[in-house]
């Protein structure tokens, strides 16, 4: 199993529509808040656009993330585990 794939827990979850799910890229979580008990996070990306003989930067929204507090905790946990994969040695000859 690759580093990017999570090992299933005690149960296997079937994911429908996996092939058509969008990829969301972002550079920054620009704003966040709570509305009627729902977590809100606005994700943005910085673009570099041609402008005359030079370039200019523009920040564009890439995602308006809305979820329940429980789903937010799940996302925080998954992101923490993904980041920890970067901290593990990838050389099989290195000791654990």
PDB file of N, CA and C in Angstrom:
ATOM      1  N   UNK A   1       0.850  -1.178   0.000  1.00  0.00           N
ATOM      2  CA  UNK A   1       0.000   0.000   0.000  1.00  0.00           C
ATOM      3  C   UNK A   1       0.890   1.233   0.000  1.00  0.00           C
ATOM      4  N   UNK A   2       0.575   2.232  -0.782  1.00  0.00           N
ATOM      5  CA  UNK A   2       1.409   3.429  -0.874  1.00  0.00           C
ATOM      6  C   UNK A   2       1.276   4.286   0.371  1.00  0.00           C
ATOM      7  N   UNK A   3       2.235   5.215   0.529  1.00  0.00           N
ATOM      8  CA  UNK A   3       2.203   6.109   1.683  1.00  0.00           C
ATOM      9  C   UNK A   3       0.963   6.983   1.687  1.00  0.00           C
ATOM     10  N   UNK A   4       0.447   7.316   0.500  1.00  0.00           N
ATOM     11  CA  UNK A   4      -0.682   8.232   0.429  1.00  0.00           C
ATOM     12  C   UNK A   4      -2.009   7.559   0.746  1.00  0.00           C
ATOM     13  N   UNK A   5      -2.050   6.249   0.732  1.00  0.00           N
ATOM     14  CA  UNK A   5      -3.296   5.536   1.015  1.00  0.00           C
ATOM     15  C   UNK A   5      -3.332   5.132   2.480  1.00  0.00           C
ATOM     16  N   UNK A   6      -4.441   5.412   3.122  1.00  0.00           N
ATOM     17  CA  UNK A   6      -4.595   5.036   4.521  1.00  0.00           C
ATOM     18  C   UNK A   6      -4.944   3.562   4.607  1.00  0.00           C
ATOM     19  N   UNK A   7      -4.386   2.894   5.595  1.00  0.00           N
ATOM     20  CA  UNK A   7      -4.740   1.499   5.810  1.00  0.00           C
ATOM     21  C   UNK A   7      -6.116   1.455   6.448  1.00  0.00           C
ATOM     22  N   UNK A   8      -6.992   0.573   5.958  1.00  0.00           N
ATOM     23  CA  UNK A   8      -8.336   0.515   6.530  1.00  0.00           C
ATOM     24  C   UNK A   8      -8.303   0.060   7.983  1.00  0.00           C
ATOM     25  N   UNK A   9      -9.215   0.577   8.756  1.00  0.00           N
ATOM     26  CA  UNK A   9      -9.352   0.176  10.157  1.00  0.00           C
ATOM     27  C   UNK A   9     -10.048  -1.182  10.187  1.00  0.00           C
ATOM     28  N   UNK A  10     -10.775  -1.459  11.245  1.00  0.00           N
ATOM     29  CA  UNK A  10     -11.450  -2.742  11.397  1.00  0.00           C
ATOM     30  C   UNK A  10     -12.512  -2.954  10.326  1.00  0.00           C
ATOM     31  N   UNK A  11     -13.068  -1.881   9.791  1.00  0.00           N
ATOM     32  CA  UNK A  11     -14.101  -2.014   8.759  1.00  0.00           C
ATOM     33  C   UNK A  11     -13.623  -1.379   7.461  1.00  0.00           C
ATOM     34  N   UNK A  12     -14.094  -1.881   6.338  1.00  0.00           N
ATOM     35  CA  UNK A  12     -13.764  -1.321   5.044  1.00  0.00           C
ATOM     36  C   UNK A  12     -14.900  -0.407   4.609  1.00  0.00           C
ATOM     37  N   UNK A  13     -14.535   0.770   4.116  1.00  0.00           N
ATOM     38  CA  UNK A  13     -15.532   1.730   3.663  1.00  0.00           C
ATOM     39  C   UNK A  13     -15.509   1.758   2.146  1.00  0.00           C
ATOM     40  N   UNK A  14     -16.641   1.543   1.519  1.00  0.00           N
ATOM     41  CA  UNK A  14     -16.767   1.639   0.068  1.00  0.00           C
ATOM     42  C   UNK A  14     -17.006   3.099  -0.294  1.00  0.00           C
ATOM     43  N   UNK A  15     -16.255   3.619  -1.264  1.00  0.00           N
ATOM     44  CA  UNK A  15     -16.395   5.007  -1.688  1.00  0.00           C
ATOM     45  C   UNK A  15     -16.982   5.029  -3.090  1.00  0.00           C
ATOM     46  N   UNK A  16     -18.190   5.574  -3.230  1.00  0.00           N
ATOM     47  CA  UNK A  16     -18.847   5.680  -4.533  1.00  0.00           C
ATOM     48  C   UNK A  16     -18.462   6.993  -5.191  1.00  0.00           C
ATOM     49  N   UNK A  17     -18.406   7.014  -6.517  1.00  0.00           N
ATOM     50  CA  UNK A  17     -18.119   8.237  -7.252  1.00  0.00           C
ATOM     51  C   UNK A  17     -16.697   8.720  -7.127  1.00  0.00           C
ATOM     52  N   UNK A  18     -15.776   7.839  -6.768  1.00  0.00           N
ATOM     53  CA  UNK A  18     -14.389   8.225  -6.547  1.00  0.00           C
ATOM     54  C   UNK A  18     -13.747   8.821  -7.797  1.00  0.00           C
ATOM     55  N   UNK A  19     -14.074   8.301  -8.963  1.00  0.00           N
ATOM     56  CA  UNK A  19     -13.447   8.759 -10.202  1.00  0.00           C
ATOM     57  C   UNK A  19     -13.849  10.184 -10.571  1.00  0.00           C
ATOM     58  N   UNK A  20     -15.017  10.632 -10.152  1.00  0.00           N
ATOM     59  CA  UNK A  20     -15.480  11.966 -10.547  1.00  0.00           C
ATOM     60  C   UNK A  20     -15.331  13.016  -9.447  1.00  0.00           C
ATOM     61  N   UNK A  21     -14.750  12.654  -8.315  1.00  0.00           N
ATOM     62  CA  UNK A  21     -14.569  13.622  -7.226  1.00  0.00           C
ATOM     63  C   UNK A  21     -13.525  14.666  -7.616  1.00  0.00           C
ATOM     64  N   UNK A  22     -13.769  15.937  -7.297  1.00  0.00           N
ATOM     65  CA  UNK A  22     -12.811  16.975  -7.689  1.00  0.00           C
ATOM     66  C   UNK A  22     -11.559  16.957  -6.814  1.00  0.00           C
ATOM     67  N   UNK A  23     -10.449  17.422  -7.376  1.00  0.00           N
ATOM     68  CA  UNK A  23      -9.237  17.665  -6.603  1.00  0.00           C
ATOM     69  C   UNK A  23      -9.294  19.120  -6.161  1.00  0.00           C
ATOM     70  N   UNK A  24      -9.007  19.381  -4.897  1.00  0.00           N
ATOM     71  CA  UNK A  24      -9.022  20.743  -4.378  1.00  0.00           C
ATOM     72  C   UNK A  24      -7.610  21.077  -3.922  1.00  0.00           C
ATOM     73  N   UNK A  25      -7.014  22.042  -4.581  1.00  0.00           N
ATOM     74  CA  UNK A  25      -5.680  22.501  -4.212  1.00  0.00           C
ATOM     75  C   UNK A  25      -5.823  23.848  -3.508  1.00  0.00           C
ATOM     76  N   UNK A  26      -5.030  24.067  -2.469  1.00  0.00           N
ATOM     77  CA  UNK A  26      -5.065  25.367  -1.812  1.00  0.00           C
ATOM     78  C   UNK A  26      -3.719  25.678  -1.201  1.00  0.00           C
ATOM     79  N   UNK A  27      -3.451  26.965  -1.053  1.00  0.00           N
ATOM     80  CA  UNK A  27      -2.222  27.443  -0.438  1.00  0.00           C
ATOM     81  C   UNK A  27      -2.447  27.923   0.985  1.00  0.00           C
ATOM     82  N   UNK A  28      -3.697  28.250   1.308  1.00  0.00           N
ATOM     83  CA  UNK A  28      -3.953  28.896   2.592  1.00  0.00           C
ATOM     84  C   UNK A  28      -5.421  28.726   2.969  1.00  0.00           C
ATOM     85  N   UNK A  29      -5.677  28.576   4.249  1.00  0.00           N
ATOM     86  CA  UNK A  29      -7.043  28.646   4.768  1.00  0.00           C
ATOM     87  C   UNK A  29      -7.256  30.096   5.178  1.00  0.00           C
ATOM     88  N   UNK A  30      -7.898  30.868   4.299  1.00  0.00           N
ATOM     89  CA  UNK A  30      -7.955  32.324   4.445  1.00  0.00           C
ATOM     90  C   UNK A  30      -8.828  32.785   5.607  1.00  0.00           C
ATOM     91  N   UNK A  31      -9.986  32.202   5.734  1.00  0.00           N
ATOM     92  CA  UNK A  31     -10.895  32.595   6.806  1.00  0.00           C
ATOM     93  C   UNK A  31     -11.620  31.372   7.334  1.00  0.00           C
ATOM     94  N   UNK A  32     -12.154  31.504   8.524  1.00  0.00           N
ATOM     95  CA  UNK A  32     -12.900  30.406   9.122  1.00  0.00           C
ATOM     96  C   UNK A  32     -13.918  30.980  10.089  1.00  0.00           C
ATOM     97  N   UNK A  33     -14.904  30.159  10.407  1.00  0.00           N
ATOM     98  CA  UNK A  33     -15.924  30.591  11.345  1.00  0.00           C
ATOM     99  C   UNK A  33     -16.925  29.477  11.607  1.00  0.00           C
ATOM    100  N   UNK A  34     -17.999  29.849  12.273  1.00  0.00           N
ATOM    101  CA  UNK A  34     -19.067  28.910  12.609  1.00  0.00           C
ATOM    102  C   UNK A  34     -20.393  29.595  12.290  1.00  0.00           C
ATOM    103  N   UNK A  35     -21.289  28.884  11.641  1.00  0.00           N
ATOM    104  CA  UNK A  35     -22.619  29.394  11.320  1.00  0.00           C
ATOM    105  C   UNK A  35     -23.637  28.309  11.645  1.00  0.00           C
ATOM    106  N   UNK A  36     -24.513  28.573  12.577  1.00  0.00           N
ATOM    107  CA  UNK A  36     -25.563  27.615  12.966  1.00  0.00           C
ATOM    108  C   UNK A  36     -24.989  26.249  13.307  1.00  0.00           C
ATOM    109  N   UNK A  37     -23.849  26.225  13.975  1.00  0.00           N
ATOM    110  CA  UNK A  37     -23.244  24.968  14.406  1.00  0.00           C
ATOM    111  C   UNK A  37     -22.383  24.286  13.361  1.00  0.00           C
ATOM    112  N   UNK A  38     -22.300  24.834  12.143  1.00  0.00           N
ATOM    113  CA  UNK A  38     -21.477  24.242  11.079  1.00  0.00           C
ATOM    114  C   UNK A  38     -20.138  24.955  11.007  1.00  0.00           C
ATOM    115  N   UNK A  39     -19.083  24.185  10.840  1.00  0.00           N
ATOM    116  CA  UNK A  39     -17.746  24.726  10.655  1.00  0.00           C
ATOM    117  C   UNK A  39     -17.642  25.259   9.234  1.00  0.00           C
ATOM    118  N   UNK A  40     -17.028  26.441   9.075  1.00  0.00           N
ATOM    119  CA  UNK A  40     -16.838  27.048   7.763  1.00  0.00           C
ATOM    120  C   UNK A  40     -15.367  27.410   7.603  1.00  0.00           C
ATOM    121  N   UNK A  41     -14.769  27.006   6.482  1.00  0.00           N
ATOM    122  CA  UNK A  41     -13.389  27.355   6.174  1.00  0.00           C
ATOM    123  C   UNK A  41     -13.330  27.709   4.690  1.00  0.00           C
ATOM    124  N   UNK A  42     -12.707  28.832   4.377  1.00  0.00           N
ATOM    125  CA  UNK A  42     -12.531  29.249   2.989  1.00  0.00           C
ATOM    126  C   UNK A  42     -11.092  28.961   2.592  1.00  0.00           C
ATOM    127  N   UNK A  43     -10.902  28.128   1.586  1.00  0.00           N
ATOM    128  CA  UNK A  43      -9.576  27.776   1.106  1.00  0.00           C
ATOM    129  C   UNK A  43      -9.266  28.594  -0.140  1.00  0.00           C
ATOM    130  N   UNK A  44      -8.026  29.091  -0.235  1.00  0.00           N
ATOM    131  CA  UNK A  44      -7.644  29.930  -1.365  1.00  0.00           C
ATOM    132  C   UNK A  44      -6.298  29.475  -1.929  1.00  0.00           C
ATOM    133  N   UNK A  45      -6.046  29.864  -3.183  1.00  0.00           N
ATOM    134  CA  UNK A  45      -4.773  29.602  -3.841  1.00  0.00           C
ATOM    135  C   UNK A  45      -4.272  30.892  -4.479  1.00  0.00           C
ATOM    136  N   UNK A  46      -2.975  31.042  -4.512  1.00  0.00           N
ATOM    137  CA  UNK A  46      -2.345  32.202  -5.135  1.00  0.00           C
ATOM    138  C   UNK A  46      -2.016  31.852  -6.575  1.00  0.00           C
ATOM    139  N   UNK A  47      -2.397  32.714  -7.490  1.00  0.00           N
ATOM    140  CA  UNK A  47      -2.088  32.499  -8.899  1.00  0.00           C
ATOM    141  C   UNK A  47      -1.114  33.566  -9.367  1.00  0.00           C
ATOM    142  N   UNK A  48      -0.384  33.259 -10.417  1.00  0.00           N
ATOM    143  CA  UNK A  48       0.500  34.221 -11.069  1.00  0.00           C
ATOM    144  C   UNK A  48      -0.023  34.393 -12.487  1.00  0.00           C
ATOM    145  N   UNK A  49      -0.444  35.605 -12.811  1.00  0.00           N
ATOM    146  CA  UNK A  49      -1.058  35.889 -14.100  1.00  0.00           C
ATOM    147  C   UNK A  49      -0.204  36.858 -14.902  1.00  0.00           C
ATOM    148  N   UNK A  50      -0.186  36.712 -16.234  1.00  0.00           N
ATOM    149  CA  UNK A  50       0.534  37.684 -17.047  1.00  0.00           C
ATOM    150  C   UNK A  50      -0.150  39.048 -16.963  1.00  0.00           C
ATOM    151  N   UNK A  51       0.654  40.095 -16.971  1.00  0.00           N
ATOM    152  CA  UNK A  51       0.118  41.445 -16.886  1.00  0.00           C
ATOM    153  C   UNK A  51       1.056  42.377 -17.655  1.00  0.00           C
ATOM    154  N   UNK A  52       0.697  42.672 -18.879  1.00  0.00           N
ATOM    155  CA  UNK A  52       1.575  43.491 -19.718  1.00  0.00           C
ATOM    156  C   UNK A  52       2.867  42.752 -19.994  1.00  0.00           C
ATOM    157  N   UNK A  53       3.981  43.356 -19.596  1.00  0.00           N
ATOM    158  CA  UNK A  53       5.281  42.707 -19.793  1.00  0.00           C
ATOM    159  C   UNK A  53       5.743  41.967 -18.539  1.00  0.00           C
ATOM    160  N   UNK A  54       4.911  41.971 -17.500  1.00  0.00           N
ATOM    161  CA  UNK A  54       5.265  41.307 -16.252  1.00  0.00           C
ATOM    162  C   UNK A  54       4.186  40.345 -15.800  1.00  0.00           C
ATOM    163  N   UNK A  55       4.077  40.204 -14.502  1.00  0.00           N
ATOM    164  CA  UNK A  55       3.065  39.326 -13.929  1.00  0.00           C
ATOM    165  C   UNK A  55       2.422  40.018 -12.736  1.00  0.00           C
ATOM    166  N   UNK A  56       1.292  39.483 -12.328  1.00  0.00           N
ATOM    167  CA  UNK A  56       0.627  39.952 -11.118  1.00  0.00           C
ATOM    168  C   UNK A  56       0.087  38.734 -10.384  1.00  0.00           C
ATOM    169  N   UNK A  57      -0.056  38.853  -9.092  1.00  0.00           N
ATOM    170  CA  UNK A  57      -0.601  37.776  -8.261  1.00  0.00           C
ATOM    171  C   UNK A  57      -2.065  38.041  -8.001  1.00  0.00           C
ATOM    172  N   UNK A  58      -2.814  36.967  -7.933  1.00  0.00           N
ATOM    173  CA  UNK A  58      -4.226  37.046  -7.578  1.00  0.00           C
ATOM    174  C   UNK A  58      -4.536  35.882  -6.655  1.00  0.00           C
ATOM    175  N   UNK A  59      -5.295  36.142  -5.620  1.00  0.00           N
ATOM    176  CA  UNK A  59      -5.724  35.085  -4.706  1.00  0.00           C
ATOM    177  C   UNK A  59      -7.155  34.725  -5.066  1.00  0.00           C
ATOM    178  N   UNK A  60      -7.401  33.433  -5.327  1.00  0.00           N
ATOM    179  CA  UNK A  60      -8.730  32.978  -5.727  1.00  0.00           C
ATOM    180  C   UNK A  60      -9.233  31.908  -4.767  1.00  0.00           C
ATOM    181  N   UNK A  61     -10.525  31.915  -4.518  1.00  0.00           N
ATOM    182  CA  UNK A  61     -11.131  30.871  -3.690  1.00  0.00           C
ATOM    183  C   UNK A  61     -11.125  29.560  -4.457  1.00  0.00           C
ATOM    184  N   UNK A  62     -10.724  28.486  -3.795  1.00  0.00           N
ATOM    185  CA  UNK A  62     -10.760  27.166  -4.421  1.00  0.00           C
ATOM    186  C   UNK A  62     -11.791  26.254  -3.774  1.00  0.00           C
ATOM    187  N   UNK A  63     -12.226  26.614  -2.549  1.00  0.00           N
ATOM    188  CA  UNK A  63     -13.182  25.753  -1.859  1.00  0.00           C
ATOM    189  C   UNK A  63     -13.845  26.516  -0.722  1.00  0.00           C
ATOM    190  N   UNK A  64     -15.135  26.331  -0.585  1.00  0.00           N
ATOM    191  CA  UNK A  64     -15.888  26.803   0.571  1.00  0.00           C
ATOM    192  C   UNK A  64     -16.223  25.546   1.370  1.00  0.00           C
ATOM    193  N   UNK A  65     -15.420  25.233   2.357  1.00  0.00           N
ATOM    194  CA  UNK A  65     -15.559  23.994   3.124  1.00  0.00           C
ATOM    195  C   UNK A  65     -16.585  24.184   4.231  1.00  0.00           C
ATOM    196  N   UNK A  66     -17.577  23.328   4.273  1.00  0.00           N
ATOM    197  CA  UNK A  66     -18.597  23.339   5.320  1.00  0.00           C
ATOM    198  C   UNK A  66     -18.731  21.918   5.861  1.00  0.00           C
ATOM    199  N   UNK A  67     -18.759  21.780   7.198  1.00  0.00           N
ATOM    200  CA  UNK A  67     -18.895  20.447   7.774  1.00  0.00           C
ATOM    201  C   UNK A  67     -19.354  20.546   9.221  1.00  0.00           C
ATOM    202  N   UNK A  68     -19.748  19.408   9.754  1.00  0.00           N
ATOM    203  CA  UNK A  68     -20.136  19.333  11.156  1.00  0.00           C
ATOM    204  C   UNK A  68     -18.879  19.356  12.024  1.00  0.00           C
ATOM    205  N   UNK A  69     -19.010  19.652  13.306  1.00  0.00           N
ATOM    206  CA  UNK A  69     -17.843  19.583  14.197  1.00  0.00           C
ATOM    207  C   UNK A  69     -17.184  18.202  14.199  1.00  0.00           C
ATOM    208  N   UNK A  70     -17.983  17.136  14.162  1.00  0.00           N
ATOM    209  CA  UNK A  70     -17.404  15.789  14.130  1.00  0.00           C
ATOM    210  C   UNK A  70     -16.606  15.556  12.856  1.00  0.00           C
ATOM    211  N   UNK A  71     -17.137  16.003  11.712  1.00  0.00           N
ATOM    212  CA  UNK A  71     -16.417  15.857  10.446  1.00  0.00           C
ATOM    213  C   UNK A  71     -15.131  16.682  10.468  1.00  0.00           C
ATOM    214  N   UNK A  72     -15.161  17.866  11.077  1.00  0.00           N
ATOM    215  CA  UNK A  72     -13.957  18.698  11.194  1.00  0.00           C
ATOM    216  C   UNK A  72     -12.891  17.977  12.010  1.00  0.00           C
ATOM    217  N   UNK A  73     -13.298  17.333  13.096  1.00  0.00           N
ATOM    218  CA  UNK A  73     -12.335  16.572  13.912  1.00  0.00           C
ATOM    219  C   UNK A  73     -11.727  15.419  13.111  1.00  0.00           C
ATOM    220  N   UNK A  74     -12.542  14.757  12.300  1.00  0.00           N
ATOM    221  CA  UNK A  74     -12.051  13.677  11.439  1.00  0.00           C
ATOM    222  C   UNK A  74     -11.031  14.218  10.438  1.00  0.00           C
ATOM    223  N   UNK A  75     -11.325  15.376   9.847  1.00  0.00           N
ATOM    224  CA  UNK A  75     -10.413  15.992   8.886  1.00  0.00           C
ATOM    225  C   UNK A  75      -9.102  16.391   9.565  1.00  0.00           C
ATOM    226  N   UNK A  76      -9.184  16.983  10.738  1.00  0.00           N
ATOM    227  CA  UNK A  76      -7.988  17.353  11.493  1.00  0.00           C
ATOM    228  C   UNK A  76      -7.131  16.111  11.761  1.00  0.00           C
ATOM    229  N   UNK A  77      -7.771  15.024  12.174  1.00  0.00           N
ATOM    230  CA  UNK A  77      -7.050  13.777  12.434  1.00  0.00           C
ATOM    231  C   UNK A  77      -6.397  13.221  11.181  1.00  0.00           C
ATOM    232  N   UNK A  78      -7.120  13.223  10.073  1.00  0.00           N
ATOM    233  CA  UNK A  78      -6.575  12.695   8.820  1.00  0.00           C
ATOM    234  C   UNK A  78      -5.410  13.548   8.335  1.00  0.00           C
ATOM    235  N   UNK A  79      -5.537  14.866   8.420  1.00  0.00           N
ATOM    236  CA  UNK A  79      -4.449  15.748   8.002  1.00  0.00           C
ATOM    237  C   UNK A  79      -3.221  15.569   8.901  1.00  0.00           C
ATOM    238  N   UNK A  80      -3.446  15.404  10.194  1.00  0.00           N
ATOM    239  CA  UNK A  80      -2.330  15.161  11.113  1.00  0.00           C
ATOM    240  C   UNK A  80      -1.596  13.878  10.776  1.00  0.00           C
ATOM    241  N   UNK A  81      -2.345  12.831  10.459  1.00  0.00           N
ATOM    242  CA  UNK A  81      -1.721  11.553  10.095  1.00  0.00           C
ATOM    243  C   UNK A  81      -0.986  11.658   8.770  1.00  0.00           C
ATOM    244  N   UNK A  82      -1.550  12.404   7.810  1.00  0.00           N
ATOM    245  CA  UNK A  82      -0.884  12.588   6.516  1.00  0.00           C
ATOM    246  C   UNK A  82       0.415  13.361   6.688  1.00  0.00           C
ATOM    247  N   UNK A  83       0.413  14.407   7.503  1.00  0.00           N
ATOM    248  CA  UNK A  83       1.626  15.181   7.752  1.00  0.00           C
ATOM    249  C   UNK A  83       2.677  14.304   8.437  1.00  0.00           C
ATOM    250  N   UNK A  84       2.241  13.431   9.334  1.00  0.00           N
ATOM    251  CA  UNK A  84       3.211  12.569  10.023  1.00  0.00           C
ATOM    252  C   UNK A  84       3.886  11.598   9.060  1.00  0.00           C
ATOM    253  N   UNK A  85       3.237  11.271   7.937  1.00  0.00           N
ATOM    254  CA  UNK A  85       3.880  10.419   6.941  1.00  0.00           C
ATOM    255  C   UNK A  85       5.121  11.097   6.358  1.00  0.00           C
ATOM    256  N   UNK A  86       5.111  12.425   6.287  1.00  0.00           N
ATOM    257  CA  UNK A  86       6.271  13.160   5.788  1.00  0.00           C
ATOM    258  C   UNK A  86       7.447  13.079   6.747  1.00  0.00           C
ATOM    259  N   UNK A  87       7.165  12.852   8.011  1.00  0.00           N
ATOM    260  CA  UNK A  87       8.209  12.823   9.025  1.00  0.00           C
ATOM    261  C   UNK A  87       8.855  11.450   9.166  1.00  0.00           C
ATOM    262  N   UNK A  88       8.248  10.432   8.565  1.00  0.00           N
ATOM    263  CA  UNK A  88       8.792   9.079   8.646  1.00  0.00           C
ATOM    264  C   UNK A  88       9.855   8.893   7.570  1.00  0.00           C
ATOM    265  N   UNK A  89      10.917   8.147   7.868  1.00  0.00           N
ATOM    266  CA  UNK A  89      11.931   7.892   6.846  1.00  0.00           C
ATOM    267  C   UNK A  89      11.338   7.058   5.711  1.00  0.00           C
ATOM    268  N   UNK A  90      11.718   7.408   4.480  1.00  0.00           N
ATOM    269  CA  UNK A  90      11.217   6.652   3.321  1.00  0.00           C
ATOM    270  C   UNK A  90      12.231   5.642   2.824  1.00  0.00           C
ATOM    271  N   UNK A  91      13.476   5.728   3.285  1.00  0.00           N
ATOM    272  CA  UNK A  91      14.517   4.791   2.892  1.00  0.00           C
ATOM    273  C   UNK A  91      14.338   3.503   3.680  1.00  0.00           C
ATOM    274  N   UNK A  92      14.092   2.381   2.997  1.00  0.00           N
ATOM    275  CA  UNK A  92      13.875   1.117   3.722  1.00  0.00           C
ATOM    276  C   UNK A  92      15.092   0.669   4.507  1.00  0.00           C
ATOM    277  N   UNK A  93      16.287   1.221   4.218  1.00  0.00           N
ATOM    278  CA  UNK A  93      17.494   0.841   4.948  1.00  0.00           C
ATOM    279  C   UNK A  93      17.652   1.631   6.240  1.00  0.00           C
ATOM    280  N   UNK A  94      16.861   2.720   6.393  1.00  0.00           N
ATOM    281  CA  UNK A  94      16.927   3.493   7.625  1.00  0.00           C
ATOM    282  C   UNK A  94      16.187   2.747   8.715  1.00  0.00           C
ATOM    283  N   UNK A  95      16.636   2.897   9.951  1.00  0.00           N
ATOM    284  CA  UNK A  95      15.961   2.233  11.072  1.00  0.00           C
ATOM    285  C   UNK A  95      14.720   2.999  11.461  1.00  0.00           C
ATOM    286  N   UNK A  96      13.739   2.294  12.035  1.00  0.00           N
ATOM    287  CA  UNK A  96      12.484   2.929  12.458  1.00  0.00           C
ATOM    288  C   UNK A  96      12.599   3.468  13.843  1.00  0.00           C
TER     289      UNK A  96
END
